[in-house]
Amino acid sequence: MSEFAKSWLTEYCDVSRETFDALDRFVEFLSQENETQNLISRGTVGDIWARHVLDSAQLLRFASNPKTWLDLGTGAGFPGLIIAALSPARVTMIEARPKRVDFLRRAAEVLALPKNTEIICAKVERVSPQAFDVISARAFAPLSKLLPLALPFSKQDTFWLLPKGRSAASELEAEKPLWQGSFRVEPSLTDSEAGIIVAHGVSRRARGARR
């Protein structure tokens, strides 16, 4: 899968040799750091390129040249660090755990990310709202909690890219009566049973309104 991941990145993201070298350094750095803190599942350490790097990079398929990108609950850097390494967008990452933030800041140096990359150590609800072109969140919170938390950072044309694994369709179906906008589930490249919720024009549905 690692070779498939690198081949996909070459074909669809036009990744330079310099960027590949930086990603290689990051993968090695992550593997080493995972020995001292539980950043990713140990079962995925042997296939970081596919399970984490490609899993993050595939979101770029659904983003139309965004200028700003917000990643919530970035954790070990997915997808935020990868998007910042592969995209010209100004990426802001929010992570509440200080140890994770320390890792993210050191990882950003390993990746030589642009200076306009921002890493915020705070709970999402304590960050001053501002609008972003794209909002992403991977393994951060159930959709019922995620949508209200992220809404203050959206605008009418914001794209929401939410990898939800195998629960994507069921979570979306449960929340549809409460929200309006364009919602769909796209298949993941890294797991045939997993889905990515792609949404646009998201807003709360008025009380009493029908679907």
N, C-alpha and C. Protein backbone atom coordinates (compact mmCIF):
# COMPACT_ATOMS: atom_id res chain seq x y z
N MET A 1 0.81 -1.22 0.00
CA MET A 1 0.00 0.00 0.00
C MET A 1 0.85 1.27 0.00
N SER A 2 2.05 1.19 0.56
CA SER A 2 2.91 2.38 0.58
C SER A 2 3.26 2.83 -0.83
N GLU A 3 3.54 1.86 -1.71
CA GLU A 3 3.87 2.21 -3.09
C GLU A 3 2.66 2.80 -3.80
N PHE A 4 1.47 2.24 -3.52
CA PHE A 4 0.25 2.81 -4.11
C PHE A 4 0.06 4.24 -3.63
N ALA A 5 0.30 4.47 -2.34
CA ALA A 5 0.14 5.81 -1.78
C ALA A 5 1.07 6.80 -2.47
N LYS A 6 2.32 6.43 -2.63
CA LYS A 6 3.29 7.32 -3.26
C LYS A 6 2.97 7.54 -4.73
N SER A 7 2.50 6.48 -5.40
CA SER A 7 2.12 6.61 -6.81
C SER A 7 0.94 7.56 -6.96
N TRP A 8 -0.04 7.45 -6.06
CA TRP A 8 -1.22 8.32 -6.12
C TRP A 8 -0.82 9.77 -5.88
N LEU A 9 0.04 9.99 -4.92
CA LEU A 9 0.50 11.35 -4.62
C LEU A 9 1.24 11.96 -5.81
N THR A 10 2.03 11.14 -6.48
CA THR A 10 2.77 11.61 -7.65
C THR A 10 1.81 12.01 -8.77
N GLU A 11 0.80 11.16 -8.99
CA GLU A 11 -0.13 11.39 -10.11
C GLU A 11 -1.12 12.50 -9.85
N TYR A 12 -1.69 12.54 -8.65
CA TYR A 12 -2.80 13.45 -8.38
C TYR A 12 -2.40 14.74 -7.66
N CYS A 13 -1.26 14.71 -6.97
CA CYS A 13 -0.84 15.90 -6.23
C CYS A 13 0.44 16.51 -6.76
N ASP A 14 1.03 15.84 -7.77
CA ASP A 14 2.26 16.35 -8.39
C ASP A 14 3.30 16.68 -7.33
N VAL A 15 3.53 15.72 -6.44
CA VAL A 15 4.46 15.92 -5.32
C VAL A 15 5.90 15.93 -5.81
N SER A 16 6.64 16.92 -5.38
CA SER A 16 8.04 17.06 -5.78
C SER A 16 8.92 16.11 -4.98
N ARG A 17 10.13 15.87 -5.47
CA ARG A 17 11.08 15.02 -4.76
C ARG A 17 11.39 15.61 -3.39
N GLU A 18 11.47 16.92 -3.33
CA GLU A 18 11.75 17.60 -2.06
C GLU A 18 10.64 17.34 -1.04
N THR A 19 9.40 17.40 -1.50
CA THR A 19 8.27 17.16 -0.60
C THR A 19 8.23 15.70 -0.17
N PHE A 20 8.52 14.79 -1.10
CA PHE A 20 8.57 13.37 -0.73
C PHE A 20 9.63 13.13 0.34
N ASP A 21 10.76 13.79 0.20
CA ASP A 21 11.83 13.64 1.20
C ASP A 21 11.36 14.14 2.57
N ALA A 22 10.64 15.26 2.55
CA ALA A 22 10.12 15.81 3.80
C ALA A 22 9.10 14.86 4.43
N LEU A 23 8.23 14.28 3.60
CA LEU A 23 7.24 13.33 4.10
C LEU A 23 7.92 12.07 4.64
N ASP A 24 8.99 11.63 3.99
CA ASP A 24 9.75 10.48 4.50
C ASP A 24 10.30 10.79 5.89
N ARG A 25 10.84 11.98 6.05
CA ARG A 25 11.38 12.37 7.36
C ARG A 25 10.27 12.41 8.41
N PHE A 26 9.12 12.91 7.99
CA PHE A 26 7.99 12.98 8.92
C PHE A 26 7.53 11.58 9.33
N VAL A 27 7.41 10.67 8.39
CA VAL A 27 6.99 9.31 8.70
C VAL A 27 7.96 8.66 9.69
N GLU A 28 9.24 8.87 9.48
CA GLU A 28 10.24 8.34 10.41
C GLU A 28 10.12 8.99 11.78
N PHE A 29 9.94 10.30 11.79
CA PHE A 29 9.79 11.04 13.04
C PHE A 29 8.55 10.56 13.81
N LEU A 30 7.45 10.38 13.10
CA LEU A 30 6.22 9.91 13.73
C LEU A 30 6.41 8.52 14.32
N SER A 31 7.06 7.64 13.58
CA SER A 31 7.31 6.28 14.07
C SER A 31 8.11 6.29 15.36
N GLN A 32 9.12 7.14 15.41
CA GLN A 32 9.96 7.23 16.61
C GLN A 32 9.18 7.81 17.79
N GLU A 33 8.43 8.87 17.53
CA GLU A 33 7.65 9.50 18.60
C GLU A 33 6.55 8.60 19.12
N ASN A 34 6.06 7.72 18.26
CA ASN A 34 4.99 6.82 18.67
C ASN A 34 5.44 5.81 19.73
N GLU A 35 6.76 5.67 19.87
CA GLU A 35 7.29 4.79 20.90
C GLU A 35 7.12 5.38 22.30
N THR A 36 7.02 6.70 22.38
CA THR A 36 6.93 7.35 23.70
C THR A 36 5.56 7.92 24.00
N GLN A 37 4.75 8.16 22.97
CA GLN A 37 3.37 8.58 23.19
C GLN A 37 2.49 7.97 22.10
N ASN A 38 1.27 7.64 22.47
CA ASN A 38 0.38 6.92 21.58
C ASN A 38 -0.25 7.85 20.56
N LEU A 39 0.48 8.15 19.51
CA LEU A 39 0.02 9.08 18.48
C LEU A 39 -0.91 8.40 17.47
N ILE A 40 -0.53 7.21 17.04
CA ILE A 40 -1.34 6.43 16.11
C ILE A 40 -1.38 4.99 16.61
N SER A 41 -2.33 4.23 16.12
CA SER A 41 -2.42 2.83 16.49
C SER A 41 -1.15 2.09 16.07
N ARG A 42 -0.63 1.29 16.98
CA ARG A 42 0.60 0.55 16.66
C ARG A 42 0.42 -0.38 15.47
N GLY A 43 -0.80 -0.81 15.26
CA GLY A 43 -1.06 -1.68 14.12
C GLY A 43 -0.93 -1.00 12.77
N THR A 44 -0.87 0.34 12.76
CA THR A 44 -0.76 1.08 11.50
C THR A 44 0.63 1.67 11.28
N VAL A 45 1.54 1.46 12.25
CA VAL A 45 2.88 2.05 12.13
C VAL A 45 3.62 1.55 10.90
N GLY A 46 3.41 0.31 10.54
CA GLY A 46 4.10 -0.26 9.38
C GLY A 46 3.57 0.22 8.04
N ASP A 47 2.44 0.92 8.05
CA ASP A 47 1.87 1.39 6.79
C ASP A 47 1.34 2.82 6.93
N ILE A 48 2.19 3.68 7.47
CA ILE A 48 1.80 5.08 7.70
C ILE A 48 1.47 5.78 6.39
N TRP A 49 2.19 5.44 5.32
CA TRP A 49 1.96 6.12 4.05
C TRP A 49 0.52 5.96 3.56
N ALA A 50 0.01 4.75 3.64
CA ALA A 50 -1.35 4.51 3.16
C ALA A 50 -2.40 4.85 4.20
N ARG A 51 -2.21 4.37 5.43
CA ARG A 51 -3.23 4.50 6.46
C ARG A 51 -3.40 5.92 6.97
N HIS A 52 -2.36 6.74 6.84
CA HIS A 52 -2.44 8.09 7.39
C HIS A 52 -2.12 9.19 6.37
N VAL A 53 -1.03 9.04 5.62
CA VAL A 53 -0.65 10.09 4.67
C VAL A 53 -1.65 10.14 3.50
N LEU A 54 -1.85 9.02 2.84
CA LEU A 54 -2.81 8.99 1.72
C LEU A 54 -4.23 9.24 2.22
N ASP A 55 -4.56 8.68 3.37
CA ASP A 55 -5.90 8.86 3.93
C ASP A 55 -6.21 10.35 4.13
N SER A 56 -5.17 11.12 4.43
CA SER A 56 -5.33 12.57 4.58
C SER A 56 -5.31 13.27 3.22
N ALA A 57 -4.34 12.93 2.39
CA ALA A 57 -4.16 13.61 1.10
C ALA A 57 -5.37 13.45 0.19
N GLN A 58 -6.10 12.35 0.30
CA GLN A 58 -7.23 12.12 -0.60
C GLN A 58 -8.32 13.18 -0.47
N LEU A 59 -8.34 13.90 0.65
CA LEU A 59 -9.33 14.95 0.83
C LEU A 59 -9.17 16.07 -0.19
N LEU A 60 -7.97 16.21 -0.73
CA LEU A 60 -7.72 17.26 -1.72
C LEU A 60 -8.52 17.04 -2.99
N ARG A 61 -9.04 15.83 -3.19
CA ARG A 61 -9.90 15.56 -4.36
C ARG A 61 -11.16 16.41 -4.34
N PHE A 62 -11.60 16.78 -3.14
CA PHE A 62 -12.89 17.44 -2.99
C PHE A 62 -12.79 18.93 -2.69
N ALA A 63 -11.57 19.45 -2.61
CA ALA A 63 -11.37 20.86 -2.30
C ALA A 63 -10.97 21.60 -3.56
N SER A 64 -11.69 22.67 -3.87
CA SER A 64 -11.44 23.42 -5.09
C SER A 64 -10.53 24.62 -4.82
N ASN A 65 -9.24 24.38 -4.84
CA ASN A 65 -8.22 25.43 -4.66
C ASN A 65 -8.54 26.36 -3.48
N PRO A 66 -8.70 25.82 -2.29
CA PRO A 66 -9.02 26.67 -1.14
C PRO A 66 -7.83 27.54 -0.73
N LYS A 67 -8.15 28.72 -0.22
CA LYS A 67 -7.10 29.60 0.30
C LYS A 67 -6.87 29.36 1.79
N THR A 68 -7.94 28.97 2.50
CA THR A 68 -7.82 28.73 3.93
C THR A 68 -8.44 27.38 4.28
N TRP A 69 -7.83 26.70 5.24
CA TRP A 69 -8.27 25.34 5.59
C TRP A 69 -8.16 25.21 7.11
N LEU A 70 -9.23 24.75 7.74
CA LEU A 70 -9.25 24.52 9.19
C LEU A 70 -9.37 23.03 9.46
N ASP A 71 -8.45 22.51 10.28
CA ASP A 71 -8.50 21.11 10.68
C ASP A 71 -8.72 21.03 12.18
N LEU A 72 -9.79 20.37 12.58
CA LEU A 72 -10.17 20.29 13.99
C LEU A 72 -9.68 18.99 14.62
N GLY A 73 -9.13 19.11 15.83
CA GLY A 73 -8.65 17.93 16.53
C GLY A 73 -7.57 17.19 15.76
N THR A 74 -6.54 17.90 15.37
CA THR A 74 -5.53 17.38 14.44
C THR A 74 -4.76 16.18 14.99
N GLY A 75 -4.60 16.08 16.29
CA GLY A 75 -3.96 14.91 16.88
C GLY A 75 -2.54 14.70 16.43
N ALA A 76 -2.29 13.62 15.70
CA ALA A 76 -0.95 13.29 15.22
C ALA A 76 -0.62 13.98 13.89
N GLY A 77 -1.53 14.86 13.44
CA GLY A 77 -1.22 15.63 12.23
C GLY A 77 -2.05 15.30 11.02
N PHE A 78 -3.11 14.50 11.23
CA PHE A 78 -3.90 14.06 10.09
C PHE A 78 -5.33 14.58 10.18
N PRO A 79 -5.79 15.25 9.14
CA PRO A 79 -5.07 15.51 7.89
C PRO A 79 -4.25 16.80 7.86
N GLY A 80 -4.31 17.62 8.91
CA GLY A 80 -3.77 18.98 8.86
C GLY A 80 -2.35 19.12 8.35
N LEU A 81 -1.40 18.36 8.94
CA LEU A 81 0.00 18.49 8.52
C LEU A 81 0.18 18.09 7.06
N ILE A 82 -0.52 17.04 6.63
CA ILE A 82 -0.38 16.56 5.26
C ILE A 82 -0.95 17.57 4.27
N ILE A 83 -2.10 18.14 4.60
CA ILE A 83 -2.69 19.16 3.73
C ILE A 83 -1.74 20.36 3.62
N ALA A 84 -1.15 20.76 4.74
CA ALA A 84 -0.23 21.90 4.72
C ALA A 84 1.01 21.61 3.88
N ALA A 85 1.43 20.35 3.86
CA ALA A 85 2.62 19.97 3.08
C ALA A 85 2.33 19.87 1.60
N LEU A 86 1.08 19.57 1.23
CA LEU A 86 0.74 19.30 -0.17
C LEU A 86 -0.05 20.41 -0.85
N SER A 87 -0.56 21.35 -0.07
CA SER A 87 -1.47 22.36 -0.62
C SER A 87 -0.94 23.76 -0.35
N PRO A 88 -1.23 24.71 -1.24
CA PRO A 88 -0.84 26.10 -1.00
C PRO A 88 -1.76 26.80 0.00
N ALA A 89 -2.81 26.12 0.45
CA ALA A 89 -3.75 26.74 1.38
C ALA A 89 -3.07 27.09 2.70
N ARG A 90 -3.56 28.14 3.34
CA ARG A 90 -3.13 28.49 4.69
C ARG A 90 -3.88 27.57 5.65
N VAL A 91 -3.16 26.69 6.31
CA VAL A 91 -3.79 25.67 7.14
C VAL A 91 -3.70 26.04 8.62
N THR A 92 -4.84 26.00 9.28
CA THR A 92 -4.92 26.22 10.73
C THR A 92 -5.35 24.91 11.38
N MET A 93 -4.59 24.47 12.38
CA MET A 93 -4.90 23.24 13.11
C MET A 93 -5.24 23.57 14.55
N ILE A 94 -6.32 22.99 15.04
CA ILE A 94 -6.71 23.18 16.44
C ILE A 94 -6.61 21.84 17.15
N GLU A 95 -5.86 21.84 18.25
CA GLU A 95 -5.66 20.63 19.04
C GLU A 95 -5.59 21.03 20.51
N ALA A 96 -6.37 20.38 21.35
CA ALA A 96 -6.46 20.79 22.75
C ALA A 96 -5.39 20.19 23.65
N ARG A 97 -4.78 19.07 23.26
CA ARG A 97 -3.84 18.38 24.14
C ARG A 97 -2.43 18.94 23.96
N PRO A 98 -1.84 19.49 25.01
CA PRO A 98 -0.52 20.11 24.92
C PRO A 98 0.57 19.20 24.36
N LYS A 99 0.58 17.92 24.73
CA LYS A 99 1.60 17.02 24.22
C LYS A 99 1.46 16.83 22.72
N ARG A 100 0.23 16.76 22.24
CA ARG A 100 0.01 16.64 20.80
C ARG A 100 0.45 17.91 20.09
N VAL A 101 0.17 19.05 20.69
CA VAL A 101 0.56 20.32 20.08
C VAL A 101 2.08 20.42 19.99
N ASP A 102 2.76 20.00 21.04
CA ASP A 102 4.23 19.99 21.01
C ASP A 102 4.72 19.10 19.87
N PHE A 103 4.12 17.94 19.72
CA PHE A 103 4.49 17.06 18.60
C PHE A 103 4.22 17.74 17.26
N LEU A 104 3.05 18.35 17.12
CA LEU A 104 2.68 19.00 15.86
C LEU A 104 3.67 20.09 15.48
N ARG A 105 4.09 20.87 16.45
CA ARG A 105 5.02 21.96 16.16
C ARG A 105 6.38 21.44 15.75
N ARG A 106 6.83 20.37 16.38
CA ARG A 106 8.11 19.77 15.97
C ARG A 106 7.98 19.09 14.61
N ALA A 107 6.84 18.46 14.37
CA ALA A 107 6.60 17.81 13.08
C ALA A 107 6.53 18.85 11.95
N ALA A 108 5.96 20.01 12.24
CA ALA A 108 5.89 21.08 11.24
C ALA A 108 7.29 21.52 10.83
N GLU A 109 8.22 21.51 11.78
CA GLU A 109 9.61 21.84 11.45
C GLU A 109 10.24 20.76 10.59
N VAL A 110 9.95 19.50 10.92
CA VAL A 110 10.48 18.38 10.13
C VAL A 110 9.99 18.48 8.68
N LEU A 111 8.74 18.87 8.52
CA LEU A 111 8.15 18.99 7.19
C LEU A 111 8.48 20.31 6.50
N ALA A 112 9.11 21.21 7.24
CA ALA A 112 9.44 22.54 6.70
C ALA A 112 8.20 23.20 6.12
N LEU A 113 7.14 23.24 6.94
CA LEU A 113 5.87 23.80 6.48
C LEU A 113 5.96 25.32 6.34
N PRO A 114 5.10 25.89 5.51
CA PRO A 114 5.09 27.35 5.31
C PRO A 114 4.85 28.08 6.64
N LYS A 115 5.36 29.29 6.73
CA LYS A 115 5.22 30.07 7.96
C LYS A 115 3.78 30.43 8.27
N ASN A 116 2.92 30.40 7.25
CA ASN A 116 1.53 30.77 7.51
C ASN A 116 0.70 29.59 8.05
N THR A 117 1.35 28.45 8.28
CA THR A 117 0.68 27.33 8.94
C THR A 117 0.53 27.67 10.42
N GLU A 118 -0.67 27.47 10.95
CA GLU A 118 -0.94 27.85 12.34
C GLU A 118 -1.41 26.64 13.15
N ILE A 119 -0.84 26.48 14.33
CA ILE A 119 -1.22 25.40 15.25
C ILE A 119 -1.69 26.05 16.54
N ILE A 120 -2.94 25.82 16.89
CA ILE A 120 -3.55 26.45 18.05
C ILE A 120 -3.81 25.41 19.13
N CYS A 121 -3.32 25.68 20.33
CA CYS A 121 -3.54 24.78 21.46
C CYS A 121 -4.74 25.29 22.26
N ALA A 122 -5.90 24.70 22.00
CA ALA A 122 -7.13 25.14 22.67
C ALA A 122 -8.26 24.20 22.31
N LYS A 123 -9.31 24.23 23.12
CA LYS A 123 -10.54 23.55 22.74
C LYS A 123 -11.22 24.37 21.64
N VAL A 124 -11.87 23.68 20.73
CA VAL A 124 -12.47 24.35 19.58
C VAL A 124 -13.42 25.46 20.02
N GLU A 125 -14.23 25.21 21.03
CA GLU A 125 -15.23 26.19 21.45
C GLU A 125 -14.63 27.43 22.08
N ARG A 126 -13.32 27.43 22.36
CA ARG A 126 -12.67 28.59 22.96
C ARG A 126 -11.87 29.40 21.93
N VAL A 127 -11.91 28.98 20.68
CA VAL A 127 -11.18 29.69 19.62
C VAL A 127 -12.12 30.70 18.97
N SER A 128 -11.62 31.92 18.76
CA SER A 128 -12.44 32.98 18.15
C SER A 128 -12.86 32.57 16.75
N PRO A 129 -14.15 32.63 16.46
CA PRO A 129 -14.65 32.20 15.15
C PRO A 129 -14.12 33.05 14.01
N GLN A 130 -13.85 32.41 12.90
CA GLN A 130 -13.55 33.07 11.64
C GLN A 130 -13.89 32.08 10.54
N ALA A 131 -14.17 32.57 9.36
CA ALA A 131 -14.63 31.70 8.28
C ALA A 131 -13.46 31.10 7.51
N PHE A 132 -13.60 29.82 7.15
CA PHE A 132 -12.60 29.11 6.36
C PHE A 132 -13.23 28.54 5.10
N ASP A 133 -12.40 28.35 4.08
CA ASP A 133 -12.88 27.77 2.83
C ASP A 133 -13.18 26.28 2.99
N VAL A 134 -12.37 25.60 3.80
CA VAL A 134 -12.55 24.16 4.04
C VAL A 134 -12.45 23.88 5.52
N ILE A 135 -13.30 23.00 6.01
CA ILE A 135 -13.21 22.49 7.38
C ILE A 135 -13.06 20.98 7.30
N SER A 136 -12.05 20.45 7.97
CA SER A 136 -11.87 19.00 8.02
C SER A 136 -11.75 18.54 9.47
N ALA A 137 -12.04 17.29 9.69
CA ALA A 137 -11.89 16.69 11.02
C ALA A 137 -11.87 15.19 10.84
N ARG A 138 -10.85 14.55 11.38
CA ARG A 138 -10.67 13.10 11.24
C ARG A 138 -10.63 12.48 12.63
N ALA A 139 -11.57 11.61 12.91
CA ALA A 139 -11.62 10.93 14.21
C ALA A 139 -11.62 11.91 15.37
N PHE A 140 -12.38 12.99 15.21
CA PHE A 140 -12.40 14.05 16.23
C PHE A 140 -13.61 13.95 17.15
N ALA A 141 -14.79 13.83 16.57
CA ALA A 141 -16.01 13.81 17.37
C ALA A 141 -17.15 13.25 16.53
N PRO A 142 -18.19 12.72 17.18
CA PRO A 142 -19.38 12.29 16.43
C PRO A 142 -19.97 13.47 15.66
N LEU A 143 -20.61 13.19 14.54
CA LEU A 143 -21.16 14.26 13.71
C LEU A 143 -22.13 15.14 14.48
N SER A 144 -22.86 14.56 15.42
CA SER A 144 -23.83 15.32 16.20
C SER A 144 -23.16 16.41 17.04
N LYS A 145 -21.92 16.19 17.42
CA LYS A 145 -21.16 17.18 18.18
C LYS A 145 -20.30 18.05 17.26
N LEU A 146 -19.77 17.43 16.21
CA LEU A 146 -18.85 18.12 15.31
C LEU A 146 -19.51 19.27 14.55
N LEU A 147 -20.69 19.05 14.01
CA LEU A 147 -21.34 20.09 13.22
C LEU A 147 -21.59 21.37 14.02
N PRO A 148 -22.18 21.30 15.22
CA PRO A 148 -22.38 22.53 15.99
C PRO A 148 -21.07 23.21 16.39
N LEU A 149 -20.04 22.41 16.71
CA LEU A 149 -18.75 23.00 17.11
C LEU A 149 -18.10 23.75 15.96
N ALA A 150 -18.20 23.20 14.77
CA ALA A 150 -17.50 23.77 13.61
C ALA A 150 -18.28 24.85 12.89
N LEU A 151 -19.57 24.91 13.11
CA LEU A 151 -20.42 25.86 12.36
C LEU A 151 -19.94 27.31 12.43
N PRO A 152 -19.45 27.81 13.61
CA PRO A 152 -18.99 29.20 13.67
C PRO A 152 -17.80 29.50 12.75
N PHE A 153 -17.14 28.45 12.24
CA PHE A 153 -15.97 28.65 11.37
C PHE A 153 -16.32 28.50 9.89
N SER A 154 -17.61 28.39 9.61
CA SER A 154 -18.03 28.16 8.22
C SER A 154 -18.72 29.39 7.64
N LYS A 155 -18.83 29.36 6.33
CA LYS A 155 -19.60 30.36 5.58
C LYS A 155 -20.44 29.59 4.57
N GLN A 156 -21.23 30.28 3.79
CA GLN A 156 -22.15 29.59 2.89
C GLN A 156 -21.44 28.66 1.92
N ASP A 157 -20.24 29.06 1.45
CA ASP A 157 -19.56 28.24 0.45
C ASP A 157 -18.42 27.41 1.03
N THR A 158 -18.38 27.24 2.34
CA THR A 158 -17.37 26.37 2.96
C THR A 158 -17.62 24.92 2.58
N PHE A 159 -16.54 24.21 2.26
CA PHE A 159 -16.63 22.77 2.05
C PHE A 159 -16.23 22.06 3.34
N TRP A 160 -17.04 21.10 3.72
CA TRP A 160 -16.77 20.27 4.90
C TRP A 160 -16.30 18.91 4.41
N LEU A 161 -15.13 18.47 4.88
CA LEU A 161 -14.57 17.18 4.48
C LEU A 161 -14.30 16.38 5.74
N LEU A 162 -15.15 15.39 5.99
CA LEU A 162 -15.16 14.71 7.28
C LEU A 162 -15.04 13.20 7.11
N PRO A 163 -13.82 12.66 7.19
CA PRO A 163 -13.66 11.20 7.15
C PRO A 163 -14.30 10.59 8.40
N LYS A 164 -15.25 9.71 8.19
CA LYS A 164 -15.98 9.13 9.33
C LYS A 164 -15.89 7.61 9.38
N GLY A 165 -15.01 7.03 8.60
CA GLY A 165 -14.87 5.58 8.64
C GLY A 165 -16.14 4.89 8.20
N ARG A 166 -16.42 3.77 8.84
CA ARG A 166 -17.56 2.95 8.44
C ARG A 166 -18.89 3.46 8.99
N SER A 167 -18.83 4.48 9.82
CA SER A 167 -20.06 5.03 10.39
C SER A 167 -20.59 6.22 9.60
N ALA A 168 -19.93 6.57 8.49
CA ALA A 168 -20.27 7.80 7.76
C ALA A 168 -21.75 7.88 7.39
N ALA A 169 -22.27 6.86 6.74
CA ALA A 169 -23.65 6.90 6.27
C ALA A 169 -24.64 6.96 7.42
N SER A 170 -24.41 6.16 8.46
CA SER A 170 -25.35 6.13 9.58
C SER A 170 -25.34 7.43 10.37
N GLU A 171 -24.15 8.02 10.57
CA GLU A 171 -24.07 9.30 11.29
C GLU A 171 -24.77 10.39 10.50
N LEU A 172 -24.55 10.41 9.20
CA LEU A 172 -25.16 11.44 8.37
C LEU A 172 -26.68 11.30 8.36
N GLU A 173 -27.17 10.10 8.24
CA GLU A 173 -28.62 9.86 8.21
C GLU A 173 -29.27 10.35 9.50
N ALA A 174 -28.60 10.15 10.63
CA ALA A 174 -29.15 10.56 11.91
C ALA A 174 -29.23 12.08 12.05
N GLU A 175 -28.30 12.80 11.40
CA GLU A 175 -28.22 14.25 11.56
C GLU A 175 -28.97 15.04 10.48
N LYS A 176 -29.30 14.42 9.38
CA LYS A 176 -29.94 15.13 8.28
C LYS A 176 -31.20 15.90 8.66
N PRO A 177 -32.05 15.38 9.55
CA PRO A 177 -33.25 16.15 9.91
C PRO A 177 -32.96 17.48 10.59
N LEU A 178 -31.75 17.64 11.13
CA LEU A 178 -31.41 18.85 11.89
C LEU A 178 -30.63 19.87 11.08
N TRP A 179 -30.18 19.47 9.88
CA TRP A 179 -29.29 20.34 9.10
C TRP A 179 -29.75 20.42 7.66
N GLN A 180 -29.44 21.54 7.04
CA GLN A 180 -29.71 21.68 5.61
C GLN A 180 -28.42 22.02 4.88
N GLY A 181 -28.42 21.72 3.59
CA GLY A 181 -27.22 21.89 2.79
C GLY A 181 -27.06 20.70 1.87
N SER A 182 -25.96 20.66 1.16
CA SER A 182 -25.66 19.54 0.28
C SER A 182 -24.75 18.56 1.01
N PHE A 183 -25.21 17.33 1.21
CA PHE A 183 -24.44 16.30 1.90
C PHE A 183 -24.34 15.06 1.02
N ARG A 184 -23.17 14.44 1.02
CA ARG A 184 -23.02 13.16 0.35
C ARG A 184 -21.87 12.38 1.03
N VAL A 185 -21.85 11.09 0.80
CA VAL A 185 -20.78 10.25 1.32
C VAL A 185 -19.96 9.73 0.15
N GLU A 186 -18.66 10.02 0.17
CA GLU A 186 -17.75 9.55 -0.86
C GLU A 186 -16.92 8.38 -0.33
N PRO A 187 -16.61 7.39 -1.18
CA PRO A 187 -15.80 6.26 -0.72
C PRO A 187 -14.36 6.67 -0.44
N SER A 188 -13.76 6.02 0.53
CA SER A 188 -12.36 6.28 0.87
C SER A 188 -11.45 5.44 -0.01
N LEU A 189 -10.30 5.98 -0.37
CA LEU A 189 -9.31 5.23 -1.16
C LEU A 189 -8.58 4.20 -0.32
N THR A 190 -8.61 4.37 0.99
CA THR A 190 -7.80 3.53 1.87
C THR A 190 -8.58 2.44 2.59
N ASP A 191 -9.89 2.48 2.49
CA ASP A 191 -10.73 1.47 3.13
C ASP A 191 -12.03 1.39 2.34
N SER A 192 -12.26 0.27 1.70
CA SER A 192 -13.43 0.14 0.83
C SER A 192 -14.75 0.25 1.58
N GLU A 193 -14.73 0.08 2.89
CA GLU A 193 -15.96 0.16 3.68
C GLU A 193 -16.11 1.50 4.39
N ALA A 194 -15.12 2.36 4.26
CA ALA A 194 -15.15 3.66 4.95
C ALA A 194 -15.67 4.75 4.03
N GLY A 195 -16.18 5.82 4.63
CA GLY A 195 -16.72 6.91 3.85
C GLY A 195 -16.26 8.27 4.34
N ILE A 196 -16.32 9.24 3.45
CA ILE A 196 -15.97 10.62 3.75
C ILE A 196 -17.21 11.46 3.51
N ILE A 197 -17.67 12.15 4.54
CA ILE A 197 -18.81 13.04 4.38
C ILE A 197 -18.32 14.33 3.73
N VAL A 198 -18.90 14.67 2.60
CA VAL A 198 -18.58 15.92 1.89
C VAL A 198 -19.83 16.78 1.92
N ALA A 199 -19.70 17.98 2.45
CA ALA A 199 -20.87 18.85 2.61
C ALA A 199 -20.56 20.27 2.15
N HIS A 200 -21.63 20.99 1.82
CA HIS A 200 -21.49 22.36 1.30
C HIS A 200 -22.77 23.10 1.63
N GLY A 201 -22.66 24.38 1.97
CA GLY A 201 -23.85 25.16 2.28
C GLY A 201 -24.53 24.70 3.56
N VAL A 202 -23.76 24.33 4.54
CA VAL A 202 -24.30 23.75 5.77
C VAL A 202 -24.87 24.83 6.70
N SER A 203 -26.07 24.60 7.19
CA SER A 203 -26.68 25.49 8.18
C SER A 203 -27.70 24.69 8.98
N ARG A 204 -28.07 25.22 10.13
CA ARG A 204 -29.07 24.54 10.96
C ARG A 204 -30.44 24.62 10.27
N ARG A 205 -31.19 23.57 10.36
CA ARG A 205 -32.54 23.57 9.83
C ARG A 205 -33.47 24.26 10.84
N ALA A 206 -34.32 25.12 10.35
CA ALA A 206 -35.24 25.82 11.24
C ALA A 206 -36.15 24.83 11.96
N ARG A 207 -36.45 25.12 13.20
CA ARG A 207 -37.31 24.24 13.97
C ARG A 207 -38.67 24.08 13.29
N GLY A 208 -39.09 22.85 13.19
CA GLY A 208 -40.39 22.59 12.57
C GLY A 208 -40.31 22.42 11.07
N ALA A 209 -39.15 22.75 10.47
CA ALA A 209 -39.02 22.59 9.02
C ALA A 209 -38.90 21.13 8.65
N ARG A 210 -39.45 20.75 7.52
CA ARG A 210 -39.37 19.39 7.06
C ARG A 210 -38.22 19.22 6.09
N ARG A 211 -37.71 17.98 6.01
CA ARG A 211 -36.64 17.68 5.07
C ARG A 211 -37.15 17.75 3.64
